């Protein structure tokens, strides 16, 4: 949703909740935002890859290349050293508005954790970069970093995965604004909204309502 909302390509005012937000802000259109998308399970750490026709080694090189600001981290990407808050802030401000969407960040860090030789740099430099990235976004004029990280051991794989998650979680806690899609108690509201809208099939609707009624009655 954030990708499509920020990257453009559709009429944002056609979405009621977005239109209401735009009206509150006095906006007739949303600004075009440069978006970088990272999937930790997709990205490798063994060899460089090409992003926007630029050979990159590291996560910071990848993000900068997608945003159009690779020159700001070129030396750091070449040396596989974290670029620093100043360089990243300058990159965000030059490329902004910018949005970095990062999924499965723990999985990416797990690939570097304990690795002795990697084209993507060391885990220590990765850890430093994540801290620099969050601080740079905070200090920048109009840029945002959004990261998704599962908390359970089932998702993170093993003890090393949980250690990586704990390290990253502590970094994001300094600046984060947490959003969880659905809390357990919100499930009732989700069900209510889905059951009491027009669905076009009243018979199926009545059967569903009756089934929920029986379930709640039988399992108080």
N, C-alpha and C. Protein backbone atom coordinates (compact mmCIF):
# COMPACT_ATOMS: atom_id res chain seq x y z
N UNK A 1 0.83 -1.20 0.00
CA UNK A 1 0.00 0.00 0.00
C UNK A 1 0.87 1.26 0.00
N UNK A 2 1.91 1.27 0.84
CA UNK A 2 2.80 2.43 0.88
C UNK A 2 3.51 2.62 -0.46
N UNK A 3 3.92 1.52 -1.06
CA UNK A 3 4.62 1.61 -2.34
C UNK A 3 3.74 2.29 -3.39
N UNK A 4 2.52 1.81 -3.53
CA UNK A 4 1.63 2.36 -4.56
C UNK A 4 1.20 3.78 -4.21
N UNK A 5 1.00 4.03 -2.93
CA UNK A 5 0.58 5.36 -2.50
C UNK A 5 1.66 6.39 -2.80
N UNK A 6 2.93 6.03 -2.52
CA UNK A 6 4.02 6.99 -2.66
C UNK A 6 4.62 7.03 -4.07
N UNK A 7 4.56 5.88 -4.76
CA UNK A 7 5.23 5.79 -6.05
C UNK A 7 4.39 6.33 -7.19
N UNK A 8 3.11 6.53 -6.93
CA UNK A 8 2.25 7.12 -7.95
C UNK A 8 1.75 6.09 -8.95
N UNK A 9 1.20 6.59 -10.06
CA UNK A 9 0.70 5.71 -11.10
C UNK A 9 -0.78 5.42 -11.01
N UNK A 10 -1.46 6.00 -10.02
CA UNK A 10 -2.91 5.83 -9.93
C UNK A 10 -3.50 7.08 -9.28
N UNK A 11 -4.82 7.21 -9.38
CA UNK A 11 -5.51 8.36 -8.81
C UNK A 11 -5.73 8.14 -7.32
N UNK A 12 -4.89 8.76 -6.50
CA UNK A 12 -4.96 8.55 -5.05
C UNK A 12 -6.30 8.98 -4.48
N UNK A 13 -6.93 9.97 -5.09
CA UNK A 13 -8.20 10.47 -4.57
C UNK A 13 -9.35 9.50 -4.80
N UNK A 14 -9.11 8.45 -5.56
CA UNK A 14 -10.15 7.45 -5.78
C UNK A 14 -10.29 6.52 -4.58
N UNK A 15 -9.33 6.56 -3.65
CA UNK A 15 -9.39 5.75 -2.44
C UNK A 15 -9.96 6.63 -1.31
N UNK A 16 -11.15 6.29 -0.81
CA UNK A 16 -11.83 7.19 0.14
C UNK A 16 -10.98 7.63 1.32
N UNK A 17 -10.30 6.68 2.00
CA UNK A 17 -9.55 7.06 3.19
C UNK A 17 -8.36 7.96 2.83
N UNK A 18 -7.79 7.74 1.65
CA UNK A 18 -6.68 8.60 1.20
C UNK A 18 -7.21 9.98 0.84
N UNK A 19 -8.37 10.01 0.20
CA UNK A 19 -8.97 11.30 -0.17
C UNK A 19 -9.27 12.13 1.07
N UNK A 20 -9.78 11.48 2.12
CA UNK A 20 -10.06 12.20 3.36
C UNK A 20 -8.78 12.77 3.97
N UNK A 21 -7.71 11.98 3.94
CA UNK A 21 -6.43 12.45 4.47
C UNK A 21 -5.91 13.64 3.66
N UNK A 22 -6.02 13.55 2.33
CA UNK A 22 -5.55 14.63 1.47
C UNK A 22 -6.35 15.91 1.70
N UNK A 23 -7.66 15.75 1.89
CA UNK A 23 -8.50 16.92 2.14
C UNK A 23 -8.11 17.60 3.45
N UNK A 24 -7.81 16.78 4.47
CA UNK A 24 -7.40 17.35 5.76
C UNK A 24 -6.09 18.13 5.62
N UNK A 25 -5.21 17.66 4.73
CA UNK A 25 -3.92 18.32 4.52
C UNK A 25 -3.97 19.40 3.45
N UNK A 26 -5.12 19.53 2.78
CA UNK A 26 -5.24 20.52 1.73
C UNK A 26 -4.47 20.18 0.48
N UNK A 27 -4.37 18.89 0.16
CA UNK A 27 -3.62 18.44 -1.00
C UNK A 27 -4.56 18.04 -2.13
N UNK A 28 -4.26 18.52 -3.32
CA UNK A 28 -5.02 18.09 -4.49
C UNK A 28 -4.38 16.88 -5.15
N UNK A 29 -3.08 16.68 -4.90
CA UNK A 29 -2.35 15.53 -5.43
C UNK A 29 -1.22 15.18 -4.46
N UNK A 30 -0.80 13.93 -4.51
CA UNK A 30 0.32 13.50 -3.67
C UNK A 30 1.64 13.76 -4.39
N UNK A 31 2.69 14.11 -3.65
CA UNK A 31 3.99 14.32 -4.30
C UNK A 31 4.55 13.00 -4.79
N UNK A 32 5.35 13.06 -5.84
CA UNK A 32 6.03 11.87 -6.33
C UNK A 32 7.22 11.58 -5.41
N UNK A 33 7.32 10.35 -4.96
CA UNK A 33 8.35 9.97 -3.99
C UNK A 33 9.27 8.93 -4.61
N UNK A 34 10.57 9.08 -4.40
CA UNK A 34 11.52 8.05 -4.80
C UNK A 34 11.46 6.91 -3.79
N UNK A 35 11.26 5.69 -4.29
CA UNK A 35 11.07 4.54 -3.41
C UNK A 35 12.15 3.50 -3.67
N UNK A 36 12.79 3.04 -2.58
CA UNK A 36 13.71 1.90 -2.65
C UNK A 36 13.07 0.72 -1.94
N UNK A 37 13.10 -0.43 -2.57
CA UNK A 37 12.47 -1.63 -2.02
C UNK A 37 13.54 -2.70 -1.81
N UNK A 38 13.64 -3.20 -0.59
CA UNK A 38 14.62 -4.25 -0.26
C UNK A 38 13.89 -5.44 0.34
N UNK A 39 14.20 -6.64 -0.16
CA UNK A 39 13.72 -7.87 0.45
C UNK A 39 14.95 -8.65 0.92
N UNK A 40 15.05 -8.84 2.24
CA UNK A 40 16.21 -9.51 2.79
C UNK A 40 16.38 -10.94 2.34
N UNK A 41 15.28 -11.60 2.00
CA UNK A 41 15.38 -12.98 1.52
C UNK A 41 15.79 -13.03 0.05
N UNK A 42 15.55 -11.95 -0.68
CA UNK A 42 15.91 -11.90 -2.10
C UNK A 42 17.37 -11.51 -2.30
N UNK A 43 17.85 -10.58 -1.47
CA UNK A 43 19.21 -10.08 -1.63
C UNK A 43 20.24 -11.09 -1.16
N UNK A 44 21.30 -11.28 -1.96
CA UNK A 44 22.40 -12.13 -1.58
C UNK A 44 23.55 -11.33 -1.00
N UNK A 45 24.51 -12.03 -0.42
CA UNK A 45 25.67 -11.35 0.18
C UNK A 45 26.99 -11.90 -0.35
N UNK A 46 26.94 -12.81 -1.32
CA UNK A 46 28.15 -13.48 -1.78
C UNK A 46 28.84 -12.77 -2.93
N UNK A 47 28.09 -12.03 -3.70
CA UNK A 47 28.69 -11.36 -4.85
C UNK A 47 27.91 -10.11 -5.19
N UNK A 48 28.56 -9.14 -5.87
CA UNK A 48 27.87 -7.89 -6.22
C UNK A 48 26.70 -8.17 -7.16
N UNK A 49 25.77 -7.24 -7.19
CA UNK A 49 24.68 -7.34 -8.16
C UNK A 49 24.45 -5.97 -8.77
N UNK A 50 23.75 -5.95 -9.88
CA UNK A 50 23.52 -4.69 -10.60
C UNK A 50 22.16 -4.12 -10.24
N UNK A 51 22.15 -2.87 -9.82
CA UNK A 51 20.92 -2.17 -9.46
C UNK A 51 20.90 -0.86 -10.21
N UNK A 52 19.86 -0.62 -10.99
CA UNK A 52 19.74 0.60 -11.79
C UNK A 52 20.99 0.81 -12.63
N UNK A 53 21.48 -0.29 -13.23
CA UNK A 53 22.67 -0.28 -14.09
C UNK A 53 23.95 0.07 -13.34
N UNK A 54 23.95 -0.10 -12.02
CA UNK A 54 25.13 0.19 -11.19
C UNK A 54 25.51 -1.08 -10.44
N UNK A 55 26.76 -1.55 -10.56
CA UNK A 55 27.20 -2.70 -9.74
C UNK A 55 27.31 -2.26 -8.28
N UNK A 56 26.60 -2.93 -7.39
CA UNK A 56 26.63 -2.58 -5.97
C UNK A 56 27.02 -3.79 -5.15
N UNK A 57 27.66 -3.53 -4.00
CA UNK A 57 28.09 -4.60 -3.11
C UNK A 57 27.20 -4.75 -1.89
N UNK A 58 26.77 -3.62 -1.35
CA UNK A 58 26.16 -3.60 -0.02
C UNK A 58 24.71 -3.17 -0.05
N UNK A 59 24.08 -3.30 1.11
CA UNK A 59 22.69 -2.86 1.25
C UNK A 59 22.59 -1.35 1.06
N UNK A 60 23.57 -0.60 1.57
CA UNK A 60 23.52 0.86 1.41
C UNK A 60 23.73 1.26 -0.05
N UNK A 61 24.57 0.51 -0.75
CA UNK A 61 24.73 0.79 -2.18
C UNK A 61 23.46 0.50 -2.95
N UNK A 62 22.78 -0.56 -2.58
CA UNK A 62 21.53 -0.95 -3.24
C UNK A 62 20.45 0.11 -3.04
N UNK A 63 20.25 0.53 -1.80
CA UNK A 63 19.22 1.54 -1.51
C UNK A 63 19.54 2.85 -2.22
N UNK A 64 20.80 3.28 -2.15
CA UNK A 64 21.20 4.54 -2.77
C UNK A 64 21.02 4.50 -4.28
N UNK A 65 21.34 3.36 -4.90
CA UNK A 65 21.19 3.23 -6.34
C UNK A 65 19.73 3.32 -6.74
N UNK A 66 18.85 2.68 -5.96
CA UNK A 66 17.42 2.74 -6.27
C UNK A 66 16.86 4.15 -6.14
N UNK A 67 17.36 4.90 -5.14
CA UNK A 67 16.85 6.26 -4.92
C UNK A 67 17.47 7.27 -5.88
N UNK A 68 18.56 6.89 -6.55
CA UNK A 68 19.22 7.82 -7.47
C UNK A 68 20.32 8.63 -6.81
N UNK A 69 20.83 8.17 -5.66
CA UNK A 69 21.87 8.90 -4.95
C UNK A 69 23.10 8.07 -4.67
N UNK A 70 23.46 7.20 -5.61
CA UNK A 70 24.58 6.29 -5.36
C UNK A 70 25.90 7.02 -5.12
N UNK A 71 26.09 8.17 -5.74
CA UNK A 71 27.35 8.90 -5.58
C UNK A 71 27.63 9.23 -4.12
N UNK A 72 26.60 9.36 -3.32
CA UNK A 72 26.80 9.73 -1.91
C UNK A 72 27.40 8.59 -1.09
N UNK A 73 27.25 7.35 -1.56
CA UNK A 73 27.78 6.21 -0.81
C UNK A 73 28.73 5.37 -1.65
N UNK A 74 29.14 5.89 -2.79
CA UNK A 74 29.95 5.10 -3.73
C UNK A 74 31.21 4.54 -3.08
N UNK A 75 31.98 5.39 -2.39
CA UNK A 75 33.22 4.94 -1.75
C UNK A 75 32.93 3.93 -0.65
N UNK A 76 31.88 4.20 0.13
CA UNK A 76 31.52 3.28 1.22
C UNK A 76 31.06 1.94 0.68
N UNK A 77 30.36 1.94 -0.44
CA UNK A 77 29.93 0.69 -1.05
C UNK A 77 31.13 -0.08 -1.60
N UNK A 78 32.04 0.64 -2.21
CA UNK A 78 33.24 -0.01 -2.75
C UNK A 78 34.09 -0.63 -1.64
N UNK A 79 34.23 0.09 -0.52
CA UNK A 79 35.05 -0.38 0.59
C UNK A 79 34.29 -1.28 1.56
N UNK A 80 32.97 -1.41 1.34
CA UNK A 80 32.11 -2.23 2.20
C UNK A 80 32.13 -1.74 3.65
N UNK A 81 32.18 -0.43 3.81
CA UNK A 81 32.15 0.21 5.11
C UNK A 81 30.89 1.06 5.23
N UNK A 82 30.28 1.08 6.41
CA UNK A 82 29.07 1.88 6.61
C UNK A 82 29.36 3.33 6.26
N UNK A 83 28.46 3.99 5.52
CA UNK A 83 28.75 5.32 4.95
C UNK A 83 28.69 6.47 5.93
N UNK A 84 27.99 6.33 7.04
CA UNK A 84 27.87 7.43 8.00
C UNK A 84 26.55 8.18 7.85
N UNK A 85 26.11 8.79 8.95
CA UNK A 85 24.83 9.49 8.97
C UNK A 85 24.85 10.69 8.03
N UNK A 86 25.96 11.41 7.99
CA UNK A 86 26.03 12.63 7.17
C UNK A 86 25.80 12.31 5.70
N UNK A 87 26.49 11.28 5.20
CA UNK A 87 26.35 10.92 3.79
C UNK A 87 24.93 10.46 3.47
N UNK A 88 24.35 9.68 4.38
CA UNK A 88 23.00 9.18 4.15
C UNK A 88 21.97 10.29 4.24
N UNK A 89 22.15 11.22 5.18
CA UNK A 89 21.23 12.36 5.28
C UNK A 89 21.31 13.21 4.03
N UNK A 90 22.52 13.47 3.55
CA UNK A 90 22.69 14.24 2.31
C UNK A 90 22.02 13.53 1.14
N UNK A 91 22.16 12.20 1.10
CA UNK A 91 21.52 11.42 0.04
C UNK A 91 20.01 11.55 0.10
N UNK A 92 19.43 11.37 1.30
CA UNK A 92 17.98 11.50 1.46
C UNK A 92 17.50 12.88 1.03
N UNK A 93 18.19 13.91 1.47
CA UNK A 93 17.76 15.28 1.15
C UNK A 93 17.89 15.58 -0.33
N UNK A 94 18.91 15.02 -0.97
CA UNK A 94 19.10 15.25 -2.40
C UNK A 94 18.07 14.49 -3.23
N UNK A 95 17.70 13.31 -2.77
CA UNK A 95 16.78 12.45 -3.53
C UNK A 95 15.33 12.60 -3.10
N UNK A 96 15.10 13.27 -1.98
CA UNK A 96 13.78 13.32 -1.38
C UNK A 96 12.74 14.04 -2.19
N UNK A 97 11.47 13.78 -1.85
CA UNK A 97 11.01 12.85 -0.83
C UNK A 97 11.41 11.41 -1.16
N UNK A 98 11.83 10.67 -0.13
CA UNK A 98 12.29 9.30 -0.33
C UNK A 98 11.66 8.36 0.69
N UNK A 99 11.44 7.14 0.23
CA UNK A 99 10.89 6.10 1.10
C UNK A 99 11.69 4.83 0.90
N UNK A 100 12.24 4.28 1.98
CA UNK A 100 12.94 2.99 1.93
C UNK A 100 12.06 1.94 2.59
N UNK A 101 11.60 0.98 1.80
CA UNK A 101 10.77 -0.11 2.28
C UNK A 101 11.64 -1.36 2.40
N UNK A 102 11.78 -1.87 3.61
CA UNK A 102 12.68 -3.00 3.86
C UNK A 102 11.91 -4.14 4.49
N UNK A 103 11.89 -5.27 3.81
CA UNK A 103 11.22 -6.46 4.32
C UNK A 103 12.28 -7.51 4.65
N UNK A 104 12.02 -8.32 5.68
CA UNK A 104 12.91 -9.43 6.05
C UNK A 104 14.33 -8.95 6.32
N UNK A 105 14.46 -7.86 7.06
CA UNK A 105 15.78 -7.33 7.37
C UNK A 105 16.57 -8.30 8.25
N UNK A 106 15.88 -8.99 9.15
CA UNK A 106 16.56 -9.97 10.01
C UNK A 106 17.16 -11.09 9.18
N UNK A 107 16.45 -11.54 8.16
CA UNK A 107 16.95 -12.61 7.31
C UNK A 107 18.23 -12.19 6.59
N UNK A 108 18.28 -10.93 6.18
CA UNK A 108 19.49 -10.43 5.52
C UNK A 108 20.65 -10.39 6.51
N UNK A 109 20.41 -9.87 7.70
CA UNK A 109 21.45 -9.81 8.71
C UNK A 109 21.94 -11.19 9.10
N UNK A 110 21.03 -12.16 9.11
CA UNK A 110 21.40 -13.54 9.46
C UNK A 110 22.43 -14.09 8.48
N UNK A 111 22.36 -13.69 7.22
CA UNK A 111 23.33 -14.16 6.23
C UNK A 111 24.74 -13.64 6.53
N UNK A 112 24.82 -12.46 7.12
CA UNK A 112 26.11 -11.86 7.42
C UNK A 112 26.64 -12.26 8.79
N UNK A 113 25.75 -12.68 9.67
CA UNK A 113 26.12 -12.97 11.06
C UNK A 113 27.10 -14.15 11.11
N UNK A 114 28.31 -13.91 11.58
CA UNK A 114 29.31 -14.96 11.68
C UNK A 114 30.08 -15.24 10.41
N UNK A 115 29.71 -14.58 9.30
CA UNK A 115 30.41 -14.79 8.03
C UNK A 115 31.75 -14.05 8.06
N UNK A 116 32.79 -14.70 7.60
CA UNK A 116 34.13 -14.10 7.64
C UNK A 116 34.43 -13.31 6.38
N UNK A 117 33.91 -13.73 5.25
CA UNK A 117 34.23 -13.08 3.99
C UNK A 117 32.95 -12.92 3.18
N UNK A 118 32.55 -11.69 2.94
CA UNK A 118 31.32 -11.43 2.21
C UNK A 118 31.50 -10.18 1.36
N UNK A 119 30.98 -10.23 0.14
CA UNK A 119 31.06 -9.06 -0.73
C UNK A 119 30.18 -7.94 -0.23
N UNK A 120 29.24 -8.26 0.69
CA UNK A 120 28.32 -7.26 1.22
C UNK A 120 28.85 -6.60 2.49
N UNK A 121 30.08 -6.96 2.93
CA UNK A 121 30.65 -6.38 4.13
C UNK A 121 30.43 -7.29 5.34
N UNK A 122 30.80 -6.80 6.50
CA UNK A 122 30.67 -7.58 7.73
C UNK A 122 29.34 -7.31 8.41
N UNK A 123 29.00 -8.19 9.34
CA UNK A 123 27.78 -7.96 10.11
C UNK A 123 27.89 -6.68 10.93
N UNK A 124 29.10 -6.41 11.45
CA UNK A 124 29.31 -5.18 12.22
C UNK A 124 29.02 -3.94 11.41
N UNK A 125 29.46 -3.90 10.16
CA UNK A 125 29.18 -2.75 9.30
C UNK A 125 27.71 -2.69 8.94
N UNK A 126 27.08 -3.84 8.75
CA UNK A 126 25.64 -3.87 8.50
C UNK A 126 24.88 -3.30 9.68
N UNK A 127 25.25 -3.72 10.89
CA UNK A 127 24.60 -3.22 12.10
C UNK A 127 24.78 -1.70 12.22
N UNK A 128 26.00 -1.23 11.97
CA UNK A 128 26.25 0.21 12.03
C UNK A 128 25.43 0.95 10.99
N UNK A 129 25.34 0.37 9.79
CA UNK A 129 24.56 1.02 8.72
C UNK A 129 23.09 1.16 9.10
N UNK A 130 22.51 0.11 9.68
CA UNK A 130 21.09 0.19 10.05
C UNK A 130 20.87 1.33 11.04
N UNK A 131 21.76 1.46 12.00
CA UNK A 131 21.63 2.57 12.95
C UNK A 131 21.78 3.90 12.24
N UNK A 132 22.74 4.01 11.35
CA UNK A 132 22.95 5.25 10.59
C UNK A 132 21.74 5.56 9.71
N UNK A 133 21.17 4.53 9.11
CA UNK A 133 20.02 4.73 8.22
C UNK A 133 18.84 5.30 8.97
N UNK A 134 18.54 4.72 10.14
CA UNK A 134 17.40 5.21 10.92
C UNK A 134 17.63 6.65 11.40
N UNK A 135 18.85 6.96 11.80
CA UNK A 135 19.14 8.32 12.26
C UNK A 135 19.12 9.31 11.09
N UNK A 136 19.63 8.89 9.95
CA UNK A 136 19.64 9.77 8.78
C UNK A 136 18.23 10.10 8.32
N UNK A 137 17.34 9.10 8.36
CA UNK A 137 15.95 9.35 7.98
C UNK A 137 15.31 10.34 8.96
N UNK A 138 15.63 10.19 10.24
CA UNK A 138 15.08 11.10 11.25
C UNK A 138 15.54 12.53 11.03
N UNK A 139 16.80 12.70 10.66
CA UNK A 139 17.36 14.04 10.49
C UNK A 139 17.06 14.64 9.12
N UNK A 140 16.65 13.81 8.16
CA UNK A 140 16.39 14.31 6.81
C UNK A 140 15.11 15.14 6.78
N UNK A 141 14.92 15.87 5.71
CA UNK A 141 13.79 16.79 5.60
C UNK A 141 12.47 16.05 5.37
N UNK A 142 12.47 15.08 4.49
CA UNK A 142 11.20 14.45 4.12
C UNK A 142 11.38 13.02 3.61
N UNK A 143 12.06 12.20 4.42
CA UNK A 143 12.27 10.81 4.04
C UNK A 143 11.89 9.88 5.19
N UNK A 144 11.61 8.63 4.83
CA UNK A 144 11.09 7.67 5.80
C UNK A 144 11.65 6.29 5.52
N UNK A 145 11.94 5.56 6.59
CA UNK A 145 12.35 4.16 6.49
C UNK A 145 11.29 3.31 7.16
N UNK A 146 10.79 2.30 6.44
CA UNK A 146 9.80 1.37 6.98
C UNK A 146 10.37 -0.03 6.87
N UNK A 147 10.51 -0.70 8.01
CA UNK A 147 11.07 -2.06 8.03
C UNK A 147 10.11 -3.02 8.69
N UNK A 148 10.01 -4.22 8.13
CA UNK A 148 9.18 -5.28 8.70
C UNK A 148 10.10 -6.37 9.21
N UNK A 149 9.95 -6.71 10.51
CA UNK A 149 10.79 -7.75 11.10
C UNK A 149 9.93 -8.64 11.99
N UNK A 150 9.79 -9.93 11.64
CA UNK A 150 9.02 -10.85 12.49
C UNK A 150 9.73 -11.07 13.81
N UNK A 151 8.97 -11.30 14.88
CA UNK A 151 9.55 -11.41 16.21
C UNK A 151 9.76 -12.85 16.67
N UNK A 152 9.08 -13.80 16.08
CA UNK A 152 9.09 -15.16 16.62
C UNK A 152 10.33 -15.94 16.17
N UNK A 153 10.70 -16.92 16.97
CA UNK A 153 11.83 -17.78 16.63
C UNK A 153 11.50 -18.64 15.42
N UNK A 154 10.24 -18.96 15.25
CA UNK A 154 9.82 -19.74 14.08
C UNK A 154 10.18 -19.00 12.81
N UNK A 155 9.94 -17.69 12.79
CA UNK A 155 10.23 -16.89 11.60
C UNK A 155 11.71 -16.58 11.46
N UNK A 156 12.41 -16.40 12.57
CA UNK A 156 13.81 -15.99 12.51
C UNK A 156 14.78 -17.17 12.42
N UNK A 157 14.32 -18.38 12.57
CA UNK A 157 15.11 -19.54 12.21
C UNK A 157 15.80 -20.27 13.34
N UNK A 158 16.65 -19.59 14.10
CA UNK A 158 17.42 -20.25 15.14
C UNK A 158 17.89 -19.21 16.14
N UNK A 159 18.78 -19.63 17.06
CA UNK A 159 19.27 -18.70 18.08
C UNK A 159 20.01 -17.52 17.46
N UNK A 160 20.80 -17.79 16.42
CA UNK A 160 21.51 -16.69 15.75
C UNK A 160 20.52 -15.70 15.14
N UNK A 161 19.45 -16.23 14.56
CA UNK A 161 18.43 -15.36 13.99
C UNK A 161 17.79 -14.49 15.04
N UNK A 162 17.54 -15.05 16.22
CA UNK A 162 16.96 -14.27 17.30
C UNK A 162 17.94 -13.22 17.83
N UNK A 163 19.24 -13.55 17.83
CA UNK A 163 20.24 -12.57 18.25
C UNK A 163 20.27 -11.40 17.27
N UNK A 164 20.21 -11.71 15.98
CA UNK A 164 20.19 -10.65 14.97
C UNK A 164 18.94 -9.78 15.14
N UNK A 165 17.79 -10.44 15.36
CA UNK A 165 16.56 -9.68 15.57
C UNK A 165 16.67 -8.76 16.78
N UNK A 166 17.23 -9.27 17.88
CA UNK A 166 17.35 -8.46 19.10
C UNK A 166 18.22 -7.23 18.86
N UNK A 167 19.31 -7.41 18.10
CA UNK A 167 20.20 -6.28 17.79
C UNK A 167 19.46 -5.23 16.96
N UNK A 168 18.78 -5.69 15.91
CA UNK A 168 18.06 -4.76 15.04
C UNK A 168 16.89 -4.10 15.77
N UNK A 169 16.21 -4.88 16.59
CA UNK A 169 15.07 -4.36 17.33
C UNK A 169 15.50 -3.22 18.25
N UNK A 170 16.64 -3.38 18.91
CA UNK A 170 17.15 -2.31 19.79
C UNK A 170 17.49 -1.05 19.02
N UNK A 171 17.99 -1.22 17.78
CA UNK A 171 18.31 -0.05 16.96
C UNK A 171 17.05 0.70 16.59
N UNK A 172 16.03 -0.02 16.12
CA UNK A 172 14.81 0.64 15.66
C UNK A 172 14.02 1.24 16.82
N UNK A 173 14.14 0.66 18.00
CA UNK A 173 13.38 1.17 19.13
C UNK A 173 13.75 2.62 19.47
N UNK A 174 14.93 3.05 19.07
CA UNK A 174 15.35 4.42 19.36
C UNK A 174 14.52 5.46 18.62
N UNK A 175 14.03 5.07 17.45
CA UNK A 175 13.35 6.06 16.61
C UNK A 175 12.01 5.58 16.06
N UNK A 176 11.61 4.35 16.40
CA UNK A 176 10.51 3.73 15.68
C UNK A 176 9.13 4.26 16.07
N UNK A 177 8.22 4.08 15.14
CA UNK A 177 6.80 4.24 15.39
C UNK A 177 6.18 2.91 14.98
N UNK A 178 5.76 2.12 15.96
CA UNK A 178 5.34 0.74 15.70
C UNK A 178 3.92 0.69 15.16
N UNK A 179 3.70 -0.14 14.16
CA UNK A 179 2.35 -0.39 13.64
C UNK A 179 2.18 -1.89 13.49
N UNK A 180 1.16 -2.44 14.14
CA UNK A 180 0.83 -3.85 14.00
C UNK A 180 -0.51 -3.95 13.29
N UNK A 181 -0.59 -4.78 12.23
CA UNK A 181 -1.80 -4.83 11.41
C UNK A 181 -3.08 -5.09 12.19
N UNK A 182 -3.10 -6.15 13.00
CA UNK A 182 -4.32 -6.50 13.74
C UNK A 182 -3.94 -7.07 15.10
N UNK A 183 -4.36 -6.42 16.16
CA UNK A 183 -4.23 -6.98 17.49
C UNK A 183 -5.36 -7.99 17.71
N UNK A 184 -5.17 -8.96 18.61
CA UNK A 184 -6.23 -9.97 18.82
C UNK A 184 -7.60 -9.38 19.10
N UNK A 185 -7.67 -8.35 19.93
CA UNK A 185 -8.97 -7.79 20.27
C UNK A 185 -9.60 -7.02 19.11
N UNK A 186 -8.78 -6.68 18.11
CA UNK A 186 -9.32 -5.95 16.95
C UNK A 186 -9.99 -6.88 15.95
N UNK A 187 -9.80 -8.20 16.16
CA UNK A 187 -10.40 -9.15 15.24
C UNK A 187 -11.91 -9.02 15.16
N UNK A 188 -12.54 -8.73 16.30
CA UNK A 188 -13.99 -8.56 16.32
C UNK A 188 -14.42 -7.39 15.42
N UNK A 189 -13.64 -6.29 15.45
CA UNK A 189 -13.98 -5.14 14.63
C UNK A 189 -13.83 -5.47 13.15
N UNK A 190 -12.80 -6.25 12.81
CA UNK A 190 -12.60 -6.65 11.42
C UNK A 190 -13.78 -7.49 10.95
N UNK A 191 -14.17 -8.46 11.79
CA UNK A 191 -15.31 -9.31 11.45
C UNK A 191 -16.57 -8.48 11.27
N UNK A 192 -16.79 -7.54 12.21
CA UNK A 192 -18.00 -6.72 12.16
C UNK A 192 -18.05 -5.93 10.85
N UNK A 193 -16.93 -5.34 10.46
CA UNK A 193 -16.91 -4.54 9.24
C UNK A 193 -17.20 -5.39 8.00
N UNK A 194 -16.69 -6.63 8.03
CA UNK A 194 -16.88 -7.49 6.87
C UNK A 194 -18.30 -8.05 6.81
N UNK A 195 -18.91 -8.27 7.98
CA UNK A 195 -20.25 -8.87 7.99
C UNK A 195 -21.34 -7.85 7.70
N UNK A 196 -21.11 -6.61 8.04
CA UNK A 196 -22.20 -5.64 7.97
C UNK A 196 -22.04 -4.64 6.84
N UNK A 197 -21.32 -5.04 5.79
CA UNK A 197 -21.31 -4.24 4.58
C UNK A 197 -22.14 -4.96 3.52
N UNK A 198 -22.51 -4.24 2.47
CA UNK A 198 -23.28 -4.87 1.41
C UNK A 198 -22.42 -5.91 0.69
N UNK A 199 -22.90 -7.14 0.64
CA UNK A 199 -22.09 -8.19 0.03
C UNK A 199 -22.71 -8.76 -1.25
N UNK A 200 -23.97 -8.40 -1.52
CA UNK A 200 -24.59 -8.84 -2.76
C UNK A 200 -25.14 -10.25 -2.74
N UNK A 201 -24.99 -10.96 -1.61
CA UNK A 201 -25.50 -12.33 -1.51
C UNK A 201 -26.09 -12.49 -0.11
N UNK A 202 -27.32 -12.11 0.06
CA UNK A 202 -27.93 -12.07 1.39
C UNK A 202 -28.06 -13.46 2.01
N UNK A 203 -28.29 -14.48 1.18
CA UNK A 203 -28.43 -15.83 1.71
C UNK A 203 -27.13 -16.30 2.36
N UNK A 204 -26.03 -16.13 1.64
CA UNK A 204 -24.73 -16.52 2.19
C UNK A 204 -24.37 -15.66 3.40
N UNK A 205 -24.75 -14.40 3.33
CA UNK A 205 -24.50 -13.51 4.46
C UNK A 205 -25.20 -14.03 5.71
N UNK A 206 -26.49 -14.41 5.57
CA UNK A 206 -27.26 -14.87 6.72
C UNK A 206 -26.68 -16.18 7.29
N UNK A 207 -26.21 -17.05 6.41
CA UNK A 207 -25.60 -18.30 6.87
C UNK A 207 -24.32 -18.01 7.67
N UNK A 208 -23.55 -17.06 7.19
CA UNK A 208 -22.30 -16.71 7.87
C UNK A 208 -22.57 -16.09 9.22
N UNK A 209 -23.53 -15.17 9.27
CA UNK A 209 -23.89 -14.54 10.54
C UNK A 209 -24.37 -15.59 11.53
N UNK A 210 -25.18 -16.51 11.07
CA UNK A 210 -25.69 -17.56 11.95
C UNK A 210 -24.56 -18.44 12.47
N UNK A 211 -23.58 -18.74 11.61
CA UNK A 211 -22.45 -19.59 12.02
C UNK A 211 -21.62 -18.89 13.09
N UNK A 212 -21.37 -17.60 12.91
CA UNK A 212 -20.63 -16.85 13.93
C UNK A 212 -21.44 -16.80 15.24
N UNK A 213 -22.72 -16.61 15.12
CA UNK A 213 -23.57 -16.54 16.30
C UNK A 213 -23.51 -17.85 17.08
N UNK A 214 -23.57 -18.97 16.36
CA UNK A 214 -23.49 -20.27 17.03
C UNK A 214 -22.12 -20.46 17.69
N UNK A 215 -21.05 -20.05 17.00
CA UNK A 215 -19.71 -20.22 17.53
C UNK A 215 -19.53 -19.44 18.82
N UNK A 216 -19.97 -18.19 18.83
CA UNK A 216 -19.81 -17.37 20.02
C UNK A 216 -20.71 -17.86 21.16
N UNK A 217 -21.87 -18.40 20.81
CA UNK A 217 -22.78 -18.92 21.82
C UNK A 217 -22.26 -20.21 22.44
N UNK A 218 -21.68 -21.09 21.58
CA UNK A 218 -21.20 -22.40 22.06
C UNK A 218 -19.85 -22.30 22.77
N UNK A 219 -19.04 -21.29 22.42
CA UNK A 219 -17.67 -21.17 22.97
C UNK A 219 -17.49 -19.83 23.68
N UNK A 220 -18.29 -19.65 24.73
CA UNK A 220 -18.26 -18.36 25.41
C UNK A 220 -16.91 -18.08 26.06
